[in-house]
């Protein structure tokens, strides 16, 4: 289990820096897809060698299993079976990580803190890269930095085919007023996934700062937290701004309604976040980008509303969905696999693929985990609840389900209440078939 924990820490840390393997021409295989399968294989091997396999049986685990089952079942009515199977392999490769995380959390009392430190360290370093990327445009010029990033940097981290698609649909650039600005994205395929990742990491960075046992660590985590927040703002992701708003709303509801002595330290990061966001939103480009989210006359917002309406109409026509990966063909029969056609809403997107049942199950997983974390007085649980609030709000505008960066982190957060819930986990012994509750 020590080896499994160390490898999982390395996996979490490396997510923002993963590179693409090319087993055959035209196929980009992110390293984390291989790493996740290896982690689960090691988990099974370790369990068999110890004659015990730790399987989560919490509400989150049951609902997540039902969601995966419904999603895979949708392959049977998909128009393009190859696209559906490709999505199915993605799901099958990542969702077993939930079992790995739950097992680690139940085996080691401080494992959650260790994984959070690895998560925040990786996010902080990648955030620094994103900030450097953003400010370099004011020295070298937007065209030069954009060309360098899409032709030199991203092909290594995303693969040739995927990076070409990113360059073809350049969400790295945004028009703010009369100015075109390069957004902070680091090594992520687009700024929206970067904003998802930074948003999920931000609450944990502040908790680590609060719990640091000496000044040096506290300063280090304060720098990481500030860098993550700064990079998140510089993605200019309006969905990311909404997600931060959801996280702040939850913090105020949690801490200013009932403040105990053990939780007073959380007021400091809450106040800091409010001050930084207020300062950011008072500046020209960030303020303009943020407030344009609420303008019904803004061009992209009008287009997004039309996309929402189209998705709702399609869901009404096919309440069981079009099958994994097949919604683009319903909108455009000649669409390519990598063509970015989706509902721009996580929950509508799931409904277009796996139907209303699939979307309901996914929402149930998020809600159940959020409530479980909210009931806990542990700070790591509070950070997890804020992360889920940010994820929920941002997911109203984007779809991170098939992100090789975001999904592994989401599964880790969802596993936090699973390992400490009343149901806990069951350890199955292959020798005698007995089971026992774990020591948590």
Protein backbone atom coordinates (compact mmCIF):
# COMPACT_ATOMS: atom_id res chain seq x y z
CA UNK A 1 0.00 0.00 0.00
CA UNK A 2 2.92 2.38 0.57
CA UNK A 3 3.97 1.91 -3.05
CA UNK A 4 0.40 2.52 -4.19
CA UNK A 5 0.16 5.71 -2.12
CA UNK A 6 3.48 7.04 -3.46
CA UNK A 7 2.48 6.31 -7.05
CA UNK A 8 -0.90 7.98 -6.52
CA UNK A 9 0.83 11.07 -5.17
CA UNK A 10 3.05 11.12 -8.25
CA UNK A 11 -0.02 10.66 -10.47
CA UNK A 12 -1.88 13.57 -8.88
CA UNK A 13 1.15 15.85 -9.01
CA UNK A 14 1.88 15.06 -12.67
CA UNK A 15 -1.63 15.67 -14.03
CA UNK A 16 -0.96 19.26 -15.23
CA UNK A 17 2.34 18.18 -16.84
CA UNK A 18 1.38 14.95 -18.55
CA UNK A 19 2.60 14.31 -22.05
CA UNK A 20 1.00 12.53 -24.98
CA UNK A 21 2.13 9.13 -26.22
CA UNK A 22 1.71 8.26 -29.90
CA UNK A 23 1.37 4.47 -30.20
CA UNK A 24 0.22 4.84 -33.82
CA UNK A 25 0.19 7.86 -36.17
CA UNK A 26 -2.80 10.13 -35.61
CA UNK A 27 -3.54 8.79 -32.12
CA UNK A 28 -2.67 10.88 -29.05
CA UNK A 29 -2.70 8.90 -25.81
CA UNK A 30 -2.31 11.06 -22.68
CA UNK A 31 0.10 9.52 -20.22
CA UNK A 32 -2.43 9.77 -17.38
CA UNK A 33 -4.70 7.29 -19.19
CA UNK A 34 -1.92 4.71 -19.00
CA UNK A 35 -0.95 5.74 -15.46
CA UNK A 36 -4.54 5.39 -14.18
CA UNK A 37 -4.84 1.84 -15.52
CA UNK A 38 -1.48 0.94 -13.96
CA UNK A 39 -2.61 2.34 -10.60
CA UNK A 40 -5.75 0.23 -10.59
CA UNK A 41 -3.79 -2.87 -11.64
CA UNK A 42 -1.37 -2.29 -8.76
CA UNK A 43 -4.30 -1.81 -6.38
CA UNK A 44 -5.73 -5.19 -7.42
CA UNK A 45 -2.32 -6.87 -7.24
CA UNK A 46 -1.64 -5.47 -3.77
CA UNK A 47 -5.09 -6.50 -2.59
CA UNK A 48 -4.67 -10.05 -3.85
CA UNK A 49 -1.21 -10.33 -2.33
CA UNK A 50 -2.60 -9.19 1.04
CA UNK A 51 -5.67 -11.39 0.49
CA UNK A 52 -7.91 -8.37 0.98
CA UNK A 53 -9.52 -6.05 -1.54
CA UNK A 54 -11.00 -2.83 -0.18
CA UNK A 55 -14.18 -1.97 -2.07
CA UNK A 56 -16.20 1.19 -1.27
CA UNK A 57 -19.89 0.60 -0.58
CA UNK A 58 -20.93 4.16 0.20
CA UNK A 59 -23.83 6.04 -1.37
CA UNK A 60 -21.36 7.87 -3.61
CA UNK A 61 -19.88 4.58 -4.79
CA UNK A 62 -23.29 3.06 -5.56
CA UNK A 63 -24.54 6.13 -7.43
CA UNK A 64 -21.28 6.46 -9.35
CA UNK A 65 -21.44 2.79 -10.35
CA UNK A 66 -25.01 3.24 -11.56
CA UNK A 67 -23.98 6.28 -13.60
CA UNK A 68 -21.12 4.40 -15.23
CA UNK A 69 -23.44 1.46 -15.98
CA UNK A 70 -26.05 3.69 -17.66
CA UNK A 71 -23.34 5.49 -19.62
CA UNK A 72 -21.87 2.24 -20.93
CA UNK A 73 -25.34 0.89 -21.66
CA UNK A 74 -25.95 3.84 -24.00
CA UNK A 75 -23.42 2.29 -26.41
CA UNK A 76 -26.18 -0.09 -27.49
CA UNK A 77 -28.23 2.68 -29.12
CA UNK A 78 -25.36 4.87 -30.38
CA UNK A 79 -25.35 5.61 -34.10
CA UNK A 80 -21.55 5.55 -34.35
CA UNK A 81 -20.37 2.59 -32.30
CA UNK A 82 -16.67 3.43 -32.71
CA UNK A 83 -17.10 6.87 -31.15
CA UNK A 84 -19.13 5.37 -28.33
CA UNK A 85 -16.55 2.67 -27.64
CA UNK A 86 -13.76 5.28 -27.56
CA UNK A 87 -15.67 7.19 -24.90
CA UNK A 88 -16.36 3.92 -23.07
CA UNK A 89 -12.64 3.13 -22.92
CA UNK A 90 -12.07 6.61 -21.45
CA UNK A 91 -14.65 5.98 -18.73
CA UNK A 92 -13.39 2.47 -18.02
CA UNK A 93 -9.85 3.78 -17.70
CA UNK A 94 -10.52 6.55 -15.19
CA UNK A 95 -13.53 5.72 -13.03
CA UNK A 96 -11.81 2.79 -11.22
CA UNK A 97 -9.60 5.49 -9.69
CA UNK A 98 -12.50 6.17 -7.32
CA UNK A 99 -11.93 2.73 -5.80
CA UNK A 100 -8.18 3.36 -5.52
CA UNK A 101 -8.70 6.72 -3.80
CA UNK A 102 -11.30 5.31 -1.40
CA UNK A 103 -9.02 2.42 -0.47
CA UNK A 104 -6.07 4.73 0.19
CA UNK A 105 -8.16 7.12 2.30
CA UNK A 106 -9.49 4.26 4.42
CA UNK A 107 -6.05 2.65 4.88
CA UNK A 108 -4.04 5.75 5.85
CA UNK A 109 -5.31 8.44 8.18
CA UNK A 110 -3.10 11.19 6.71
CA UNK A 111 -3.33 10.06 3.08
CA UNK A 112 -5.88 12.75 2.20
CA UNK A 113 -3.47 15.48 3.31
CA UNK A 114 -0.63 13.89 1.33
CA UNK A 115 -2.66 13.72 -1.87
CA UNK A 116 -3.87 17.29 -1.36
CA UNK A 117 -0.28 18.50 -1.00
CA UNK A 118 0.68 16.76 -4.25
CA UNK A 119 -2.40 18.21 -5.95
CA UNK A 120 -1.72 21.78 -4.80
CA UNK A 121 2.00 21.58 -5.62
CA UNK A 122 1.29 20.50 -9.20
CA UNK A 123 -1.48 23.06 -9.61
CA UNK A 124 0.70 25.86 -8.18
CA UNK A 125 3.61 25.15 -10.51
CA UNK A 126 1.34 24.91 -13.56
CA UNK A 127 -0.37 28.13 -12.47
CA UNK A 128 3.00 29.87 -12.42
CA UNK A 129 3.56 28.66 -16.00
CA UNK A 130 0.16 30.06 -16.97
CA UNK A 131 0.92 33.44 -15.41
CA UNK A 132 4.27 33.55 -17.22
CA UNK A 133 2.54 32.62 -20.48
CA UNK A 134 0.04 35.45 -20.01
CA UNK A 135 2.53 38.21 -19.27
CA UNK A 136 4.97 37.13 -21.99
CA UNK A 137 2.54 38.41 -24.62
CA UNK A 138 3.18 41.98 -23.48
CA UNK A 139 6.89 41.52 -24.17
CA UNK A 140 6.97 39.26 -27.23
CA UNK A 141 3.56 39.99 -28.71
CA UNK A 142 0.39 37.89 -28.94
CA UNK A 143 1.11 36.25 -32.36
CA UNK A 144 4.61 35.16 -31.31
CA UNK A 145 3.57 33.61 -28.00
CA UNK A 146 0.46 31.99 -29.52
CA UNK A 147 2.48 30.42 -32.31
CA UNK A 148 5.18 29.22 -29.88
CA UNK A 149 2.59 27.72 -27.54
CA UNK A 150 0.54 25.91 -30.20
CA UNK A 151 3.46 24.76 -32.37
CA UNK A 152 6.19 24.01 -29.82
CA UNK A 153 4.74 23.53 -26.33
CA UNK A 154 1.32 21.93 -26.77
CA UNK A 155 2.27 19.18 -29.29
CA UNK A 156 4.47 17.61 -26.60
CA UNK A 157 1.82 17.77 -23.86
CA UNK A 158 -1.31 17.17 -25.96
CA UNK A 159 -0.05 15.31 -28.99
CA UNK A 160 0.17 16.39 -32.61
CA UNK A 161 -3.46 15.72 -33.57
CA UNK A 162 -5.01 17.27 -30.48
CA UNK A 163 -2.76 20.33 -30.53
CA UNK A 164 -3.68 20.89 -34.19
CA UNK A 165 -7.35 20.87 -33.20
CA UNK A 166 -6.61 23.36 -30.42
CA UNK A 167 -4.87 25.67 -32.90
CA UNK A 168 -7.79 25.34 -35.30
CA UNK A 169 -10.29 26.40 -32.60
CA UNK A 170 -8.14 28.93 -30.72
CA UNK A 171 -9.92 29.37 -27.42
CA UNK A 172 -6.51 30.47 -26.11
CA UNK A 173 -7.37 33.91 -27.46
CA UNK A 174 -10.19 36.14 -26.27
CA UNK A 175 -11.47 39.47 -27.51
CA UNK A 176 -11.99 41.98 -24.74
CA UNK A 177 -13.28 45.24 -26.09
CA UNK A 178 -11.08 46.07 -29.08
CA UNK A 179 -8.11 44.05 -27.80
CA UNK A 180 -7.19 40.40 -28.40
CA UNK A 181 -5.61 38.82 -25.33
CA UNK A 182 -3.84 35.50 -24.84
CA UNK A 183 -5.40 33.73 -21.87
CA UNK A 184 -3.50 31.79 -19.22
CA UNK A 185 -3.79 28.07 -19.97
CA UNK A 186 -0.36 26.55 -19.11
CA UNK A 187 -0.23 23.02 -20.57
CA UNK A 188 -4.00 22.48 -20.56
CA UNK A 189 -5.81 22.17 -23.92
CA UNK A 190 -7.86 25.30 -23.28
CA UNK A 191 -8.30 27.98 -20.59
CA UNK A 192 -11.61 26.55 -19.43
CA UNK A 193 -10.05 23.23 -18.35
CA UNK A 194 -7.24 25.21 -16.72
CA UNK A 195 -9.85 27.22 -14.80
CA UNK A 196 -11.58 23.99 -13.71
CA UNK A 197 -8.30 22.58 -12.43
CA UNK A 198 -7.24 25.76 -10.62
CA UNK A 199 -10.72 26.17 -9.16
CA UNK A 200 -10.69 22.65 -7.71
CA UNK A 201 -7.20 23.20 -6.25
CA UNK A 202 -7.78 26.64 -4.74
CA UNK A 203 -9.68 25.63 -1.56
CA UNK A 204 -7.11 22.95 -0.71
CA UNK A 205 -4.26 25.42 -1.10
CA UNK A 206 -5.81 27.69 1.53
CA UNK A 207 -6.47 24.80 3.92
CA UNK A 208 -2.84 23.72 3.61
CA UNK A 209 -1.77 27.29 4.29
CA UNK A 210 -3.90 27.43 7.44
CA UNK A 211 -2.72 24.05 8.74
CA UNK A 212 1.00 24.63 8.02
CA UNK A 213 3.04 23.88 11.15
CA UNK A 214 5.68 26.56 10.63
CA UNK A 215 6.13 29.91 8.94
CA UNK A 216 8.13 28.65 5.98
CA UNK A 217 5.42 26.21 4.91
CA UNK A 218 2.72 28.79 5.50
CA UNK A 219 4.49 31.28 3.23
CA UNK A 220 5.02 28.60 0.58
CA UNK A 221 1.36 27.60 0.51
CA UNK A 222 0.30 31.25 0.58
CA UNK A 223 2.37 31.83 -2.57
CA UNK A 224 0.92 28.74 -4.22
CA UNK A 225 -2.63 29.81 -3.29
CA UNK A 226 -2.09 33.32 -4.66
CA UNK A 227 -0.56 31.94 -7.86
CA UNK A 228 -3.44 29.51 -8.39
CA UNK A 229 -6.02 32.24 -7.83
CA UNK A 230 -4.16 34.66 -10.08
CA UNK A 231 -3.89 32.10 -12.89
CA UNK A 232 -7.57 31.20 -12.49
CA UNK A 233 -8.55 34.83 -12.96
CA UNK A 234 -6.23 35.20 -15.98
CA UNK A 235 -7.92 32.32 -17.81
CA UNK A 236 -10.72 34.84 -18.44
CA UNK A 237 -13.13 31.91 -18.16
CA UNK A 238 -16.54 33.35 -17.34
CA UNK A 239 -17.68 29.92 -16.21
CA UNK A 240 -14.66 29.86 -13.91
CA UNK A 241 -15.71 33.19 -12.42
CA UNK A 242 -19.21 31.83 -11.81
CA UNK A 243 -17.69 28.74 -10.19
CA UNK A 244 -15.63 30.91 -7.82
CA UNK A 245 -18.84 32.77 -6.99
CA UNK A 246 -20.53 29.47 -6.05
CA UNK A 247 -17.55 28.58 -3.86
CA UNK A 248 -17.64 31.95 -2.10
CA UNK A 249 -21.39 31.68 -1.56
CA UNK A 250 -20.93 28.31 0.12
CA UNK A 251 -18.09 29.65 2.29
CA UNK A 252 -20.22 32.52 3.53
CA UNK A 253 -23.16 30.19 4.20
CA UNK A 254 -20.93 27.78 6.11
CA UNK A 255 -18.65 30.04 8.12
CA UNK A 256 -20.65 33.14 8.80
CA UNK A 257 -23.71 31.26 9.95
CA UNK A 258 -21.93 29.20 12.60
CA UNK A 259 -18.32 30.02 13.41
CA UNK A 260 -16.59 27.81 15.94
CA UNK A 261 -13.16 28.38 17.47
CA UNK A 262 -11.67 25.61 15.32
CA UNK A 263 -12.96 27.25 12.15
CA UNK A 264 -12.08 30.90 12.83
CA UNK A 265 -8.86 30.51 10.88
CA UNK A 266 -10.89 30.04 7.72
CA UNK A 267 -12.10 33.65 7.89
CA UNK A 268 -8.65 34.85 6.82
CA UNK A 269 -8.55 33.03 3.46
CA UNK A 270 -12.20 33.88 2.83
CA UNK A 271 -11.45 37.56 3.33
CA UNK A 272 -8.31 37.27 1.20
CA UNK A 273 -10.22 35.67 -1.66
CA UNK A 274 -12.89 38.37 -1.49
CA UNK A 275 -10.29 41.14 -1.59
CA UNK A 276 -8.38 39.61 -4.51
CA UNK A 277 -11.55 38.99 -6.51
CA UNK A 278 -12.80 42.49 -5.77
CA UNK A 279 -9.48 43.94 -6.94
CA UNK A 280 -9.48 41.78 -10.07
CA UNK A 281 -13.06 42.61 -10.99
CA UNK A 282 -12.36 46.32 -10.54
CA UNK A 283 -9.68 46.21 -13.28
CA UNK A 284 -10.60 46.83 -16.91
CA UNK A 285 -10.28 43.55 -18.86
CA UNK A 286 -11.24 41.19 -16.05
CA UNK A 287 -14.21 43.32 -15.03
CA UNK A 288 -15.40 43.58 -18.62
CA UNK A 289 -15.05 39.84 -19.17
CA UNK A 290 -16.78 38.93 -15.89
CA UNK A 291 -19.74 41.27 -16.22
CA UNK A 292 -20.29 40.34 -19.87
CA UNK A 293 -21.33 36.91 -18.57
CA UNK A 294 -24.66 38.44 -17.56
CA UNK A 295 -25.32 40.29 -20.82
CA UNK A 296 -27.97 38.60 -22.96
CA UNK A 297 -26.93 40.81 -25.89
CA UNK A 298 -23.28 39.68 -25.89
CA UNK A 299 -22.52 37.57 -28.99
CA UNK A 300 -21.14 34.43 -27.33
CA UNK A 301 -23.90 34.48 -24.71
CA UNK A 302 -26.55 34.60 -27.41
CA UNK A 303 -24.87 31.69 -29.15
CA UNK A 304 -24.67 29.76 -25.89
CA UNK A 305 -28.39 30.26 -25.23
CA UNK A 306 -29.13 28.87 -28.68
CA UNK A 307 -26.91 25.86 -27.94
CA UNK A 308 -28.76 25.28 -24.65
CA UNK A 309 -32.10 25.45 -26.42
CA UNK A 310 -30.89 23.02 -29.08
CA UNK A 311 -29.70 20.57 -26.42
CA UNK A 312 -32.97 20.74 -24.50
CA UNK A 313 -34.92 20.12 -27.69
CA UNK A 314 -32.73 17.13 -28.57
CA UNK A 315 -33.08 15.70 -25.06
CA UNK A 316 -36.88 16.01 -25.33
CA UNK A 317 -36.70 14.05 -28.60
CA UNK A 318 -34.36 11.38 -27.18
CA UNK A 319 -34.77 11.26 -23.37
CA UNK A 320 -32.46 8.23 -23.20
CA UNK A 321 -29.72 10.12 -25.08
CA UNK A 322 -27.88 9.55 -28.33
CA UNK A 323 -25.20 7.32 -26.85
CA UNK A 324 -21.69 8.10 -25.64
CA UNK A 325 -19.92 10.57 -27.91
CA UNK A 326 -22.74 10.66 -30.46
CA UNK A 327 -24.47 13.96 -29.75
CA UNK A 328 -22.33 15.88 -32.33
CA UNK A 329 -23.77 13.63 -35.06
CA UNK A 330 -27.29 14.62 -34.05
CA UNK A 331 -26.39 18.29 -34.51
CA UNK A 332 -24.12 17.85 -37.53
CA UNK A 333 -24.18 14.44 -39.30
CA UNK A 334 -20.83 15.17 -40.99
CA UNK A 335 -19.03 16.13 -37.78
CA UNK A 336 -15.51 14.88 -37.03
CA UNK A 337 -14.68 13.14 -33.75
CA UNK A 338 -12.64 16.06 -32.39
CA UNK A 339 -15.04 18.74 -33.63
CA UNK A 340 -16.09 20.74 -30.54
CA UNK A 341 -19.86 20.26 -30.72
CA UNK A 342 -21.43 19.96 -27.29
CA UNK A 343 -24.08 21.58 -25.09
CA UNK A 344 -21.64 23.80 -23.11
CA UNK A 345 -23.24 22.51 -19.92
CA UNK A 346 -21.98 19.39 -18.10
CA UNK A 347 -25.44 18.21 -17.12
CA UNK A 348 -27.08 18.84 -20.49
CA UNK A 349 -24.14 17.13 -22.18
CA UNK A 350 -24.55 14.02 -20.07
CA UNK A 351 -28.29 14.03 -20.79
CA UNK A 352 -27.63 14.21 -24.55
CA UNK A 353 -25.40 11.13 -24.31
CA UNK A 354 -26.69 9.01 -21.41
CA UNK A 355 -30.17 10.44 -21.15
CA UNK A 356 -32.04 12.08 -18.32
CA UNK A 357 -31.34 9.08 -16.10
CA UNK A 358 -27.58 9.44 -16.57
CA UNK A 359 -27.66 13.17 -15.84
CA UNK A 360 -29.80 12.60 -12.73
CA UNK A 361 -27.38 9.98 -11.42
CA UNK A 362 -24.38 12.24 -11.98
CA UNK A 363 -26.06 15.14 -10.21
CA UNK A 364 -26.95 12.77 -7.36
CA UNK A 365 -23.29 11.78 -6.98
CA UNK A 366 -22.22 15.43 -6.79
CA UNK A 367 -25.00 16.36 -4.35
CA UNK A 368 -24.48 13.33 -2.10
CA UNK A 369 -20.73 13.89 -1.88
CA UNK A 370 -21.24 17.61 -1.27
CA UNK A 371 -23.65 16.95 1.59
CA UNK A 372 -21.33 14.35 3.10
CA UNK A 373 -18.40 16.77 3.02
CA UNK A 374 -20.52 19.64 4.34
CA UNK A 375 -21.57 17.64 7.39
CA UNK A 376 -17.96 16.95 8.35
CA UNK A 377 -16.08 19.44 10.51
CA UNK A 378 -12.70 18.38 9.12
CA UNK A 379 -10.98 21.14 7.18
CA UNK A 380 -10.05 18.89 4.30
CA UNK A 381 -13.74 18.01 3.98
CA UNK A 382 -14.65 21.70 4.00
CA UNK A 383 -12.14 22.29 1.19
CA UNK A 384 -13.67 19.39 -0.72
CA UNK A 385 -17.14 20.87 -0.35
CA UNK A 386 -15.94 24.24 -1.67
CA UNK A 387 -14.25 22.48 -4.59
CA UNK A 388 -17.49 20.70 -5.47
CA UNK A 389 -19.40 23.99 -5.24
CA UNK A 390 -16.91 25.58 -7.65
CA UNK A 391 -17.12 22.55 -9.94
CA UNK A 392 -20.92 22.59 -9.94
CA UNK A 393 -21.12 26.29 -10.80
CA UNK A 394 -18.49 26.13 -13.53
CA UNK A 395 -20.09 22.99 -15.01
CA UNK A 396 -23.17 25.01 -15.86
CA UNK A 397 -21.08 26.52 -18.66
CA UNK A 398 -18.49 23.91 -19.66
CA UNK A 399 -18.00 20.14 -19.93
CA UNK A 400 -14.97 18.69 -18.08
CA UNK A 401 -16.24 15.09 -18.03
CA UNK A 402 -13.75 13.92 -20.64
CA UNK A 403 -10.83 16.01 -19.43
CA UNK A 404 -7.79 13.88 -18.61
CA UNK A 405 -6.77 16.60 -16.15
CA UNK A 406 -10.04 17.35 -14.34
CA UNK A 407 -11.82 13.98 -14.08
CA UNK A 408 -9.11 12.24 -11.97
CA UNK A 409 -9.20 15.15 -9.50
CA UNK A 410 -13.00 15.16 -9.36
CA UNK A 411 -13.00 11.43 -8.54
CA UNK A 412 -10.51 12.07 -5.73
CA UNK A 413 -12.76 14.74 -4.20
CA UNK A 414 -15.82 12.49 -4.57
CA UNK A 415 -13.95 9.73 -2.72
CA UNK A 416 -13.29 11.89 0.36
CA UNK A 417 -16.72 11.36 1.99
CA UNK A 418 -16.89 7.78 0.72
CA UNK A 419 -13.93 6.69 2.81
CA UNK A 420 -15.27 8.25 6.02
CA UNK A 421 -19.01 7.68 5.69
CA UNK A 422 -21.07 5.44 7.90
CA UNK A 423 -21.13 2.78 5.21
CA UNK A 424 -17.36 2.98 4.83
CA UNK A 425 -15.78 0.19 2.83
CA UNK A 426 -15.81 -3.58 2.85
CA UNK A 427 -12.67 -5.66 2.70
CA UNK A 428 -13.18 -8.96 0.90
CA UNK A 429 -10.86 -11.82 1.75
CA UNK A 430 -10.48 -14.27 -1.13
CA UNK A 431 -9.54 -17.09 1.26
CA UNK A 432 -12.63 -17.26 3.40
CA UNK A 433 -15.05 -14.74 1.92
CA UNK A 434 -15.31 -12.83 5.18
CA UNK A 435 -15.50 -9.09 5.37
CA UNK A 436 -14.80 -6.49 7.99
CA UNK A 437 -15.12 -2.78 8.42
CA UNK A 438 -11.89 -0.84 8.02
CA UNK A 439 -10.22 1.10 10.79
CA UNK A 440 -10.57 4.80 9.86
